Amino acid sequence: MSESIYPVATQDFARKRRELAPAIQDAFHAFSELVFADGALPAKTKQLIAVAAAHITQCPYCIKGHTRVAIKQGANPKEIMEAIWVAAEMRAGGAYAHSAISLTTINEEQQRHEP
């Protein structure tokens, strides 16, 4: 059985979100449009950032959607893959950087148990 835990995104879900909170849906849509519009960063760059962020947050809907839009904005497969590698490094880098917490705790525990 290859059923996914993630339901397929459908117009029914979009309609239901709108019905349940139309003002918030409209505000979110306006915010999204503004965020991804050309500005100090071009729209293509913003979509590559979104592809990377989607991989860090591990949202399959965002990965698929922002990859599609990145391609529409002119991103090529190599640019998309490099953005994904940036995400992978950032995710791994967080674990590496936070190792300082464990190393500090190890040191504190060793000092606490010294005779």
PDB file of N, CA and C in Angstrom:
ATOM      1  N   MET A   1       0.850  -1.180   0.000  1.00  0.00           N
ATOM      2  CA  MET A   1       0.000   0.000   0.000  1.00  0.00           C
ATOM      3  C   MET A   1       0.896   1.244   0.000  1.00  0.00           C
ATOM      4  N   SER A   2       0.695   2.120  -0.952  1.00  0.00           N
ATOM      5  CA  SER A   2       1.538   3.302  -1.062  1.00  0.00           C
ATOM      6  C   SER A   2       0.755   4.585  -0.812  1.00  0.00           C
ATOM      7  N   GLU A   3      -0.153   4.543   0.119  1.00  0.00           N
ATOM      8  CA  GLU A   3      -0.943   5.711   0.464  1.00  0.00           C
ATOM      9  C   GLU A   3      -0.073   6.733   1.194  1.00  0.00           C
ATOM     10  N   SER A   4      -0.198   7.990   0.806  1.00  0.00           N
ATOM     11  CA  SER A   4       0.573   9.048   1.435  1.00  0.00           C
ATOM     12  C   SER A   4      -0.193   9.627   2.616  1.00  0.00           C
ATOM     13  N   ILE A   5       0.557  10.078   3.599  1.00  0.00           N
ATOM     14  CA  ILE A   5      -0.058  10.758   4.733  1.00  0.00           C
ATOM     15  C   ILE A   5      -0.567  12.142   4.314  1.00  0.00           C
ATOM     16  N   TYR A   6      -0.019  12.662   3.209  1.00  0.00           N
ATOM     17  CA  TYR A   6      -0.404  13.980   2.718  1.00  0.00           C
ATOM     18  C   TYR A   6      -1.520  13.852   1.697  1.00  0.00           C
ATOM     19  N   PRO A   7      -2.688  14.446   1.962  1.00  0.00           N
ATOM     20  CA  PRO A   7      -3.742  14.395   0.953  1.00  0.00           C
ATOM     21  C   PRO A   7      -3.351  15.233  -0.262  1.00  0.00           C
ATOM     22  N   VAL A   8      -3.876  14.861  -1.403  1.00  0.00           N
ATOM     23  CA  VAL A   8      -3.621  15.609  -2.622  1.00  0.00           C
ATOM     24  C   VAL A   8      -4.262  16.989  -2.476  1.00  0.00           C
ATOM     25  N   ALA A   9      -3.510  18.029  -2.817  1.00  0.00           N
ATOM     26  CA  ALA A   9      -4.056  19.391  -2.774  1.00  0.00           C
ATOM     27  C   ALA A   9      -5.131  19.514  -3.841  1.00  0.00           C
ATOM     28  N   THR A  10      -6.309  19.935  -3.438  1.00  0.00           N
ATOM     29  CA  THR A  10      -7.422  20.046  -4.378  1.00  0.00           C
ATOM     30  C   THR A  10      -8.099  21.405  -4.247  1.00  0.00           C
ATOM     31  N   GLN A  11      -8.914  21.711  -5.228  1.00  0.00           N
ATOM     32  CA  GLN A  11      -9.713  22.941  -5.167  1.00  0.00           C
ATOM     33  C   GLN A  11     -10.709  22.871  -4.005  1.00  0.00           C
ATOM     34  N   ASP A  12     -11.151  21.670  -3.640  1.00  0.00           N
ATOM     35  CA  ASP A  12     -12.064  21.527  -2.508  1.00  0.00           C
ATOM     36  C   ASP A  12     -11.420  22.024  -1.216  1.00  0.00           C
ATOM     37  N   PHE A  13     -10.138  21.677  -1.013  1.00  0.00           N
ATOM     38  CA  PHE A  13      -9.440  22.161   0.187  1.00  0.00           C
ATOM     39  C   PHE A  13      -9.290  23.675   0.147  1.00  0.00           C
ATOM     40  N   ALA A  14      -8.948  24.205  -1.009  1.00  0.00           N
ATOM     41  CA  ALA A  14      -8.803  25.659  -1.150  1.00  0.00           C
ATOM     42  C   ALA A  14     -10.128  26.361  -0.862  1.00  0.00           C
ATOM     43  N   ARG A  15     -11.200  25.809  -1.401  1.00  0.00           N
ATOM     44  CA  ARG A  15     -12.525  26.382  -1.178  1.00  0.00           C
ATOM     45  C   ARG A  15     -12.903  26.323   0.305  1.00  0.00           C
ATOM     46  N   LYS A  16     -12.597  25.219   0.952  1.00  0.00           N
ATOM     47  CA  LYS A  16     -12.940  25.056   2.373  1.00  0.00           C
ATOM     48  C   LYS A  16     -12.156  26.051   3.230  1.00  0.00           C
ATOM     49  N   ARG A  17     -10.862  26.218   2.933  1.00  0.00           N
ATOM     50  CA  ARG A  17     -10.064  27.214   3.681  1.00  0.00           C
ATOM     51  C   ARG A  17     -10.683  28.592   3.530  1.00  0.00           C
ATOM     52  N   ARG A  18     -11.075  28.937   2.303  1.00  0.00           N
ATOM     53  CA  ARG A  18     -11.674  30.245   2.045  1.00  0.00           C
ATOM     54  C   ARG A  18     -12.999  30.398   2.791  1.00  0.00           C
ATOM     55  N   GLU A  19     -13.831  29.369   2.768  1.00  0.00           N
ATOM     56  CA  GLU A  19     -15.123  29.414   3.464  1.00  0.00           C
ATOM     57  C   GLU A  19     -14.947  29.603   4.968  1.00  0.00           C
ATOM     58  N   LEU A  20     -13.975  28.924   5.536  1.00  0.00           N
ATOM     59  CA  LEU A  20     -13.788  28.958   6.993  1.00  0.00           C
ATOM     60  C   LEU A  20     -13.160  30.250   7.497  1.00  0.00           C
ATOM     61  N   ALA A  21     -12.352  30.913   6.655  1.00  0.00           N
ATOM     62  CA  ALA A  21     -11.685  32.144   7.100  1.00  0.00           C
ATOM     63  C   ALA A  21     -11.367  33.028   5.887  1.00  0.00           C
ATOM     64  N   PRO A  22     -12.397  33.596   5.265  1.00  0.00           N
ATOM     65  CA  PRO A  22     -12.169  34.331   4.022  1.00  0.00           C
ATOM     66  C   PRO A  22     -11.256  35.555   4.165  1.00  0.00           C
ATOM     67  N   ALA A  23     -11.415  36.311   5.207  1.00  0.00           N
ATOM     68  CA  ALA A  23     -10.583  37.517   5.375  1.00  0.00           C
ATOM     69  C   ALA A  23      -9.116  37.142   5.558  1.00  0.00           C
ATOM     70  N   ILE A  24      -8.871  36.106   6.333  1.00  0.00           N
ATOM     71  CA  ILE A  24      -7.494  35.665   6.559  1.00  0.00           C
ATOM     72  C   ILE A  24      -6.921  35.091   5.270  1.00  0.00           C
ATOM     73  N   GLN A  25      -7.716  34.329   4.540  1.00  0.00           N
ATOM     74  CA  GLN A  25      -7.273  33.778   3.260  1.00  0.00           C
ATOM     75  C   GLN A  25      -6.885  34.897   2.300  1.00  0.00           C
ATOM     76  N   ASP A  26      -7.714  35.935   2.228  1.00  0.00           N
ATOM     77  CA  ASP A  26      -7.415  37.064   1.349  1.00  0.00           C
ATOM     78  C   ASP A  26      -6.132  37.774   1.778  1.00  0.00           C
ATOM     79  N   ALA A  27      -5.971  37.970   3.075  1.00  0.00           N
ATOM     80  CA  ALA A  27      -4.768  38.636   3.587  1.00  0.00           C
ATOM     81  C   ALA A  27      -3.524  37.803   3.305  1.00  0.00           C
ATOM     82  N   PHE A  28      -3.626  36.500   3.492  1.00  0.00           N
ATOM     83  CA  PHE A  28      -2.491  35.621   3.231  1.00  0.00           C
ATOM     84  C   PHE A  28      -2.116  35.657   1.754  1.00  0.00           C
ATOM     85  N   HIS A  29      -3.116  35.616   0.893  1.00  0.00           N
ATOM     86  CA  HIS A  29      -2.871  35.652  -0.550  1.00  0.00           C
ATOM     87  C   HIS A  29      -2.199  36.977  -0.946  1.00  0.00           C
ATOM     88  N   ALA A  30      -2.688  38.079  -0.411  1.00  0.00           N
ATOM     89  CA  ALA A  30      -2.096  39.386  -0.721  1.00  0.00           C
ATOM     90  C   ALA A  30      -0.660  39.452  -0.215  1.00  0.00           C
ATOM     91  N   PHE A  31      -0.424  38.933   0.984  1.00  0.00           N
ATOM     92  CA  PHE A  31       0.921  38.899   1.559  1.00  0.00           C
ATOM     93  C   PHE A  31       1.852  38.086   0.671  1.00  0.00           C
ATOM     94  N   SER A  32       1.393  36.906   0.256  1.00  0.00           N
ATOM     95  CA  SER A  32       2.201  36.025  -0.592  1.00  0.00           C
ATOM     96  C   SER A  32       2.527  36.697  -1.917  1.00  0.00           C
ATOM     97  N   GLU A  33       1.544  37.326  -2.526  1.00  0.00           N
ATOM     98  CA  GLU A  33       1.767  38.026  -3.804  1.00  0.00           C
ATOM     99  C   GLU A  33       2.841  39.099  -3.642  1.00  0.00           C
ATOM    100  N   LEU A  34       2.767  39.856  -2.565  1.00  0.00           N
ATOM    101  CA  LEU A  34       3.728  40.925  -2.315  1.00  0.00           C
ATOM    102  C   LEU A  34       5.124  40.365  -2.041  1.00  0.00           C
ATOM    103  N   VAL A  35       5.197  39.341  -1.234  1.00  0.00           N
ATOM    104  CA  VAL A  35       6.488  38.738  -0.884  1.00  0.00           C
ATOM    105  C   VAL A  35       7.222  38.233  -2.116  1.00  0.00           C
ATOM    106  N   PHE A  36       6.501  37.591  -3.032  1.00  0.00           N
ATOM    107  CA  PHE A  36       7.147  36.957  -4.173  1.00  0.00           C
ATOM    108  C   PHE A  36       7.238  37.844  -5.417  1.00  0.00           C
ATOM    109  N   ALA A  37       6.796  39.091  -5.312  1.00  0.00           N
ATOM    110  CA  ALA A  37       6.910  40.012  -6.444  1.00  0.00           C
ATOM    111  C   ALA A  37       8.363  40.483  -6.585  1.00  0.00           C
ATOM    112  N   ASP A  38       8.724  40.898  -7.795  1.00  0.00           N
ATOM    113  CA  ASP A  38      10.042  41.505  -8.001  1.00  0.00           C
ATOM    114  C   ASP A  38      10.209  42.674  -7.041  1.00  0.00           C
ATOM    115  N   GLY A  39      11.366  42.770  -6.461  1.00  0.00           N
ATOM    116  CA  GLY A  39      11.688  43.868  -5.556  1.00  0.00           C
ATOM    117  C   GLY A  39      13.192  44.007  -5.522  1.00  0.00           C
ATOM    118  N   ALA A  40      13.761  44.169  -4.347  1.00  0.00           N
ATOM    119  CA  ALA A  40      15.220  44.198  -4.224  1.00  0.00           C
ATOM    120  C   ALA A  40      15.807  42.880  -4.735  1.00  0.00           C
ATOM    121  N   LEU A  41      15.051  41.806  -4.557  1.00  0.00           N
ATOM    122  CA  LEU A  41      15.416  40.499  -5.129  1.00  0.00           C
ATOM    123  C   LEU A  41      14.459  40.201  -6.270  1.00  0.00           C
ATOM    124  N   PRO A  42      14.974  39.656  -7.365  1.00  0.00           N
ATOM    125  CA  PRO A  42      14.063  39.263  -8.446  1.00  0.00           C
ATOM    126  C   PRO A  42      13.202  38.072  -8.027  1.00  0.00           C
ATOM    127  N   ALA A  43      12.035  37.957  -8.668  1.00  0.00           N
ATOM    128  CA  ALA A  43      11.087  36.887  -8.337  1.00  0.00           C
ATOM    129  C   ALA A  43      11.724  35.503  -8.449  1.00  0.00           C
ATOM    130  N   LYS A  44      12.575  35.291  -9.436  1.00  0.00           N
ATOM    131  CA  LYS A  44      13.241  33.990  -9.594  1.00  0.00           C
ATOM    132  C   LYS A  44      14.085  33.662  -8.360  1.00  0.00           C
ATOM    133  N   THR A  45      14.845  34.628  -7.880  1.00  0.00           N
ATOM    134  CA  THR A  45      15.674  34.405  -6.692  1.00  0.00           C
ATOM    135  C   THR A  45      14.801  34.091  -5.483  1.00  0.00           C
ATOM    136  N   LYS A  46      13.697  34.806  -5.351  1.00  0.00           N
ATOM    137  CA  LYS A  46      12.784  34.555  -4.230  1.00  0.00           C
ATOM    138  C   LYS A  46      12.227  33.134  -4.297  1.00  0.00           C
ATOM    139  N   GLN A  47      11.940  32.663  -5.504  1.00  0.00           N
ATOM    140  CA  GLN A  47      11.427  31.300  -5.633  1.00  0.00           C
ATOM    141  C   GLN A  47      12.501  30.265  -5.321  1.00  0.00           C
ATOM    142  N   LEU A  48      13.736  30.539  -5.680  1.00  0.00           N
ATOM    143  CA  LEU A  48      14.828  29.621  -5.317  1.00  0.00           C
ATOM    144  C   LEU A  48      15.005  29.583  -3.800  1.00  0.00           C
ATOM    145  N   ILE A  49      14.877  30.730  -3.149  1.00  0.00           N
ATOM    146  CA  ILE A  49      14.920  30.761  -1.683  1.00  0.00           C
ATOM    147  C   ILE A  49      13.758  29.935  -1.122  1.00  0.00           C
ATOM    148  N   ALA A  50      12.584  30.082  -1.719  1.00  0.00           N
ATOM    149  CA  ALA A  50      11.411  29.337  -1.258  1.00  0.00           C
ATOM    150  C   ALA A  50      11.601  27.832  -1.437  1.00  0.00           C
ATOM    151  N   VAL A  51      12.216  27.422  -2.542  1.00  0.00           N
ATOM    152  CA  VAL A  51      12.491  25.993  -2.754  1.00  0.00           C
ATOM    153  C   VAL A  51      13.402  25.484  -1.643  1.00  0.00           C
ATOM    154  N   ALA A  52      14.446  26.245  -1.335  1.00  0.00           N
ATOM    155  CA  ALA A  52      15.362  25.842  -0.260  1.00  0.00           C
ATOM    156  C   ALA A  52      14.635  25.788   1.078  1.00  0.00           C
ATOM    157  N   ALA A  53      13.877  26.827   1.381  1.00  0.00           N
ATOM    158  CA  ALA A  53      13.144  26.867   2.655  1.00  0.00           C
ATOM    159  C   ALA A  53      12.134  25.726   2.743  1.00  0.00           C
ATOM    160  N   ALA A  54      11.491  25.411   1.640  1.00  0.00           N
ATOM    161  CA  ALA A  54      10.519  24.317   1.636  1.00  0.00           C
ATOM    162  C   ALA A  54      11.176  22.984   1.966  1.00  0.00           C
ATOM    163  N   HIS A  55      12.414  22.812   1.508  1.00  0.00           N
ATOM    164  CA  HIS A  55      13.129  21.582   1.846  1.00  0.00           C
ATOM    165  C   HIS A  55      13.531  21.557   3.316  1.00  0.00           C
ATOM    166  N   ILE A  56      13.844  22.717   3.878  1.00  0.00           N
ATOM    167  CA  ILE A  56      14.188  22.770   5.301  1.00  0.00           C
ATOM    168  C   ILE A  56      12.952  22.497   6.151  1.00  0.00           C
ATOM    169  N   THR A  57      11.813  23.088   5.777  1.00  0.00           N
ATOM    170  CA  THR A  57      10.586  22.861   6.543  1.00  0.00           C
ATOM    171  C   THR A  57       9.938  21.526   6.186  1.00  0.00           C
ATOM    172  N   GLN A  58      10.410  20.912   5.107  1.00  0.00           N
ATOM    173  CA  GLN A  58       9.955  19.606   4.645  1.00  0.00           C
ATOM    174  C   GLN A  58       8.451  19.584   4.321  1.00  0.00           C
ATOM    175  N   CYS A  59       8.003  20.654   3.670  1.00  0.00           N
ATOM    176  CA  CYS A  59       6.603  20.734   3.243  1.00  0.00           C
ATOM    177  C   CYS A  59       6.496  20.258   1.800  1.00  0.00           C
ATOM    178  N   PRO A  60       5.904  19.085   1.572  1.00  0.00           N
ATOM    179  CA  PRO A  60       5.834  18.571   0.202  1.00  0.00           C
ATOM    180  C   PRO A  60       5.023  19.466  -0.733  1.00  0.00           C
ATOM    181  N   TYR A  61       3.996  20.113  -0.206  1.00  0.00           N
ATOM    182  CA  TYR A  61       3.201  21.007  -1.038  1.00  0.00           C
ATOM    183  C   TYR A  61       4.043  22.211  -1.485  1.00  0.00           C
ATOM    184  N   CYS A  62       4.807  22.760  -0.560  1.00  0.00           N
ATOM    185  CA  CYS A  62       5.657  23.917  -0.874  1.00  0.00           C
ATOM    186  C   CYS A  62       6.790  23.523  -1.816  1.00  0.00           C
ATOM    187  N   ILE A  63       7.373  22.355  -1.600  1.00  0.00           N
ATOM    188  CA  ILE A  63       8.447  21.891  -2.481  1.00  0.00           C
ATOM    189  C   ILE A  63       7.942  21.830  -3.917  1.00  0.00           C
ATOM    190  N   LYS A  64       6.807  21.178  -4.114  1.00  0.00           N
ATOM    191  CA  LYS A  64       6.259  21.014  -5.458  1.00  0.00           C
ATOM    192  C   LYS A  64       5.835  22.363  -6.045  1.00  0.00           C
ATOM    193  N   GLY A  65       5.100  23.142  -5.278  1.00  0.00           N
ATOM    194  CA  GLY A  65       4.583  24.413  -5.778  1.00  0.00           C
ATOM    195  C   GLY A  65       5.680  25.413  -6.109  1.00  0.00           C
ATOM    196  N   HIS A  66       6.636  25.583  -5.200  1.00  0.00           N
ATOM    197  CA  HIS A  66       7.686  26.570  -5.443  1.00  0.00           C
ATOM    198  C   HIS A  66       8.683  26.098  -6.498  1.00  0.00           C
ATOM    199  N   THR A  67       8.864  24.779  -6.641  1.00  0.00           N
ATOM    200  CA  THR A  67       9.700  24.282  -7.734  1.00  0.00           C
ATOM    201  C   THR A  67       9.047  24.616  -9.075  1.00  0.00           C
ATOM    202  N   ARG A  68       7.750  24.399  -9.172  1.00  0.00           N
ATOM    203  CA  ARG A  68       7.030  24.744 -10.405  1.00  0.00           C
ATOM    204  C   ARG A  68       7.149  26.232 -10.728  1.00  0.00           C
ATOM    205  N   VAL A  69       6.917  27.076  -9.716  1.00  0.00           N
ATOM    206  CA  VAL A  69       6.966  28.516  -9.961  1.00  0.00           C
ATOM    207  C   VAL A  69       8.397  28.963 -10.265  1.00  0.00           C
ATOM    208  N   ALA A  70       9.383  28.367  -9.601  1.00  0.00           N
ATOM    209  CA  ALA A  70      10.782  28.708  -9.896  1.00  0.00           C
ATOM    210  C   ALA A  70      11.092  28.436 -11.366  1.00  0.00           C
ATOM    211  N   ILE A  71      10.629  27.307 -11.876  1.00  0.00           N
ATOM    212  CA  ILE A  71      10.835  26.980 -13.294  1.00  0.00           C
ATOM    213  C   ILE A  71      10.137  28.020 -14.170  1.00  0.00           C
ATOM    214  N   LYS A  72       8.902  28.384 -13.810  1.00  0.00           N
ATOM    215  CA  LYS A  72       8.172  29.404 -14.584  1.00  0.00           C
ATOM    216  C   LYS A  72       8.893  30.750 -14.551  1.00  0.00           C
ATOM    217  N   GLN A  73       9.607  31.025 -13.446  1.00  0.00           N
ATOM    218  CA  GLN A  73      10.343  32.288 -13.311  1.00  0.00           C
ATOM    219  C   GLN A  73      11.705  32.218 -14.000  1.00  0.00           C
ATOM    220  N   GLY A  74      12.030  31.074 -14.594  1.00  0.00           N
ATOM    221  CA  GLY A  74      13.272  30.959 -15.354  1.00  0.00           C
ATOM    222  C   GLY A  74      14.388  30.184 -14.682  1.00  0.00           C
ATOM    223  N   ALA A  75      14.135  29.612 -13.521  1.00  0.00           N
ATOM    224  CA  ALA A  75      15.164  28.810 -12.850  1.00  0.00           C
ATOM    225  C   ALA A  75      15.370  27.509 -13.619  1.00  0.00           C
ATOM    226  N   ASN A  76      16.615  27.088 -13.686  1.00  0.00           N
ATOM    227  CA  ASN A  76      16.896  25.824 -14.373  1.00  0.00           C
ATOM    228  C   ASN A  76      17.151  24.731 -13.327  1.00  0.00           C
ATOM    229  N   PRO A  77      17.166  23.481 -13.757  1.00  0.00           N
ATOM    230  CA  PRO A  77      17.344  22.376 -12.800  1.00  0.00           C
ATOM    231  C   PRO A  77      18.616  22.482 -11.957  1.00  0.00           C
ATOM    232  N   LYS A  78      19.713  22.964 -12.534  1.00  0.00           N
ATOM    233  CA  LYS A  78      20.955  23.092 -11.762  1.00  0.00           C
ATOM    234  C   LYS A  78      20.806  24.138 -10.655  1.00  0.00           C
ATOM    235  N   GLU A  79      20.139  25.254 -10.960  1.00  0.00           N
ATOM    236  CA  GLU A  79      19.916  26.277  -9.932  1.00  0.00           C
ATOM    237  C   GLU A  79      19.032  25.739  -8.814  1.00  0.00           C
ATOM    238  N   ILE A  80      17.995  25.011  -9.183  1.00  0.00           N
ATOM    239  CA  ILE A  80      17.090  24.441  -8.188  1.00  0.00           C
ATOM    240  C   ILE A  80      17.837  23.447  -7.306  1.00  0.00           C
ATOM    241  N   MET A  81      18.656  22.583  -7.914  1.00  0.00           N
ATOM    242  CA  MET A  81      19.402  21.601  -7.131  1.00  0.00           C
ATOM    243  C   MET A  81      20.407  22.283  -6.207  1.00  0.00           C
ATOM    244  N   GLU A  82      21.070  23.342  -6.694  1.00  0.00           N
ATOM    245  CA  GLU A  82      21.996  24.063  -5.816  1.00  0.00           C
ATOM    246  C   GLU A  82      21.263  24.695  -4.640  1.00  0.00           C
ATOM    247  N   ALA A  83      20.077  25.222  -4.883  1.00  0.00           N
ATOM    248  CA  ALA A  83      19.283  25.780  -3.782  1.00  0.00           C
ATOM    249  C   ALA A  83      18.958  24.690  -2.762  1.00  0.00           C
ATOM    250  N   ILE A  84      18.644  23.487  -3.249  1.00  0.00           N
ATOM    251  CA  ILE A  84      18.350  22.366  -2.347  1.00  0.00           C
ATOM    252  C   ILE A  84      19.599  21.978  -1.559  1.00  0.00           C
ATOM    253  N   TRP A  85      20.772  22.012  -2.199  1.00  0.00           N
ATOM    254  CA  TRP A  85      22.009  21.712  -1.473  1.00  0.00           C
ATOM    255  C   TRP A  85      22.306  22.775  -0.423  1.00  0.00           C
ATOM    256  N   VAL A  86      21.973  24.023  -0.709  1.00  0.00           N
ATOM    257  CA  VAL A  86      22.125  25.074   0.314  1.00  0.00           C
ATOM    258  C   VAL A  86      21.234  24.739   1.506  1.00  0.00           C
ATOM    259  N   ALA A  87      20.011  24.316   1.220  1.00  0.00           N
ATOM    260  CA  ALA A  87      19.098  23.934   2.305  1.00  0.00           C
ATOM    261  C   ALA A  87      19.659  22.770   3.117  1.00  0.00           C
ATOM    262  N   ALA A  88      20.199  21.783   2.428  1.00  0.00           N
ATOM    263  CA  ALA A  88      20.769  20.619   3.121  1.00  0.00           C
ATOM    264  C   ALA A  88      21.926  21.035   4.022  1.00  0.00           C
ATOM    265  N   GLU A  89      22.776  21.932   3.524  1.00  0.00           N
ATOM    266  CA  GLU A  89      23.906  22.389   4.329  1.00  0.00           C
ATOM    267  C   GLU A  89      23.428  23.174   5.546  1.00  0.00           C
ATOM    268  N   MET A  90      22.422  24.013   5.349  1.00  0.00           N
ATOM    269  CA  MET A  90      21.898  24.803   6.464  1.00  0.00           C
ATOM    270  C   MET A  90      21.268  23.896   7.521  1.00  0.00           C
ATOM    271  N   ARG A  91      20.559  22.887   7.077  1.00  0.00           N
ATOM    272  CA  ARG A  91      19.940  21.952   8.033  1.00  0.00           C
ATOM    273  C   ARG A  91      21.020  21.189   8.793  1.00  0.00           C
ATOM    274  N   ALA A  92      22.022  20.704   8.076  1.00  0.00           N
ATOM    275  CA  ALA A  92      23.129  19.995   8.726  1.00  0.00           C
ATOM    276  C   ALA A  92      23.942  20.955   9.585  1.00  0.00           C
ATOM    277  N   GLY A  93      24.116  22.164   9.102  1.00  0.00           N
ATOM    278  CA  GLY A  93      24.875  23.159   9.858  1.00  0.00           C
ATOM    279  C   GLY A  93      24.240  23.472  11.198  1.00  0.00           C
ATOM    280  N   GLY A  94      22.923  23.461  11.247  1.00  0.00           N
ATOM    281  CA  GLY A  94      22.226  23.698  12.509  1.00  0.00           C
ATOM    282  C   GLY A  94      22.537  22.616  13.531  1.00  0.00           C
ATOM    283  N   ALA A  95      22.535  21.368  13.087  1.00  0.00           N
ATOM    284  CA  ALA A  95      22.881  20.262  13.986  1.00  0.00           C
ATOM    285  C   ALA A  95      24.327  20.387  14.452  1.00  0.00           C
ATOM    286  N   TYR A  96      25.210  20.707  13.526  1.00  0.00           N
ATOM    287  CA  TYR A  96      26.627  20.870  13.853  1.00  0.00           C
ATOM    288  C   TYR A  96      26.818  22.006  14.864  1.00  0.00           C
ATOM    289  N   ALA A  97      26.205  23.152  14.605  1.00  0.00           N
ATOM    290  CA  ALA A  97      26.357  24.301  15.501  1.00  0.00           C
ATOM    291  C   ALA A  97      25.775  24.017  16.890  1.00  0.00           C
ATOM    292  N   HIS A  98      24.646  23.342  16.925  1.00  0.00           N
ATOM    293  CA  HIS A  98      24.013  23.054  18.208  1.00  0.00           C
ATOM    294  C   HIS A  98      24.734  21.970  19.005  1.00  0.00           C
ATOM    295  N   SER A  99      25.710  21.323  18.396  1.00  0.00           N
ATOM    296  CA  SER A  99      26.493  20.344  19.155  1.00  0.00           C
ATOM    297  C   SER A  99      27.190  21.017  20.331  1.00  0.00           C
ATOM    298  N   ALA A 100      27.374  22.334  20.255  1.00  0.00           N
ATOM    299  CA  ALA A 100      27.972  23.066  21.379  1.00  0.00           C
ATOM    300  C   ALA A 100      27.141  22.893  22.653  1.00  0.00           C
ATOM    301  N   ILE A 101      25.833  22.757  22.519  1.00  0.00           N
ATOM    302  CA  ILE A 101      24.970  22.546  23.691  1.00  0.00           C
ATOM    303  C   ILE A 101      25.295  21.208  24.332  1.00  0.00           C
ATOM    304  N   SER A 102      25.403  20.152  23.516  1.00  0.00           N
ATOM    305  CA  SER A 102      25.753  18.837  24.064  1.00  0.00           C
ATOM    306  C   SER A 102      27.153  18.845  24.649  1.00  0.00           C
ATOM    307  N   LEU A 103      28.092  19.454  23.955  1.00  0.00           N
ATOM    308  CA  LEU A 103      29.469  19.483  24.458  1.00  0.00           C
ATOM    309  C   LEU A 103      29.555  20.235  25.784  1.00  0.00           C
ATOM    310  N   THR A 104      28.811  21.331  25.912  1.00  0.00           N
ATOM    311  CA  THR A 104      28.770  22.073  27.173  1.00  0.00           C
ATOM    312  C   THR A 104      28.149  21.227  28.278  1.00  0.00           C
ATOM    313  N   THR A 105      27.059  20.524  27.946  1.00  0.00           N
ATOM    314  CA  THR A 105      26.390  19.670  28.929  1.00  0.00           C
ATOM    315  C   THR A 105      27.300  18.531  29.362  1.00  0.00           C
ATOM    316  N   ILE A 106      28.001  17.926  28.416  1.00  0.00           N
ATOM    317  CA  ILE A 106      28.966  16.862  28.761  1.00  0.00           C
ATOM    318  C   ILE A 106      30.000  17.401  29.733  1.00  0.00           C
ATOM    319  N   ASN A 107      30.543  18.558  29.431  1.00  0.00           N
ATOM    320  CA  ASN A 107      31.550  19.172  30.296  1.00  0.00           C
ATOM    321  C   ASN A 107      30.981  19.453  31.687  1.00  0.00           C
ATOM    322  N   GLU A 108      29.780  20.003  31.748  1.00  0.00           N
ATOM    323  CA  GLU A 108      29.147  20.299  33.048  1.00  0.00           C
ATOM    324  C   GLU A 108      28.921  19.021  33.848  1.00  0.00           C
ATOM    325  N   GLU A 109      28.455  17.970  33.183  1.00  0.00           N
ATOM    326  CA  GLU A 109      28.196  16.705  33.878  1.00  0.00           C
ATOM    327  C   GLU A 109      29.494  16.066  34.361  1.00  0.00           C
ATOM    328  N   GLN A 110      30.527  16.144  33.560  1.00  0.00           N
ATOM    329  CA  GLN A 110      31.813  15.591  33.979  1.00  0.00           C
ATOM    330  C   GLN A 110      32.360  16.351  35.186  1.00  0.00           C
ATOM    331  N   GLN A 111      32.226  17.664  35.180  1.00  0.00           N
ATOM    332  CA  GLN A 111      32.699  18.466  36.308  1.00  0.00           C
ATOM    333  C   GLN A 111      31.864  18.184  37.562  1.00  0.00           C
ATOM    334  N   ARG A 112      30.578  17.971  37.385  1.00  0.00           N
ATOM    335  CA  ARG A 112      29.682  17.698  38.513  1.00  0.00           C
ATOM    336  C   ARG A 112      30.012  16.376  39.182  1.00  0.00           C
ATOM    337  N   HIS A 113      30.513  15.430  38.418  1.00  0.00           N
ATOM    338  CA  HIS A 113      30.783  14.094  38.950  1.00  0.00           C
ATOM    339  C   HIS A 113      32.237  13.866  39.284  1.00  0.00           C
ATOM    340  N   GLU A 114      33.063  14.900  39.194  1.00  0.00           N
ATOM    341  CA  GLU A 114      34.473  14.753  39.562  1.00  0.00           C
ATOM    342  C   GLU A 114      34.588  14.699  41.087  1.00  0.00           C
ATOM    343  N   PRO A 115      35.534  13.866  41.581  1.00  0.00           N
ATOM    344  CA  PRO A 115      35.681  13.761  43.045  1.00  0.00           C
ATOM    345  C   PRO A 115      36.258  15.017  43.660  1.00  0.00           C
TER     346      PRO A 115
END
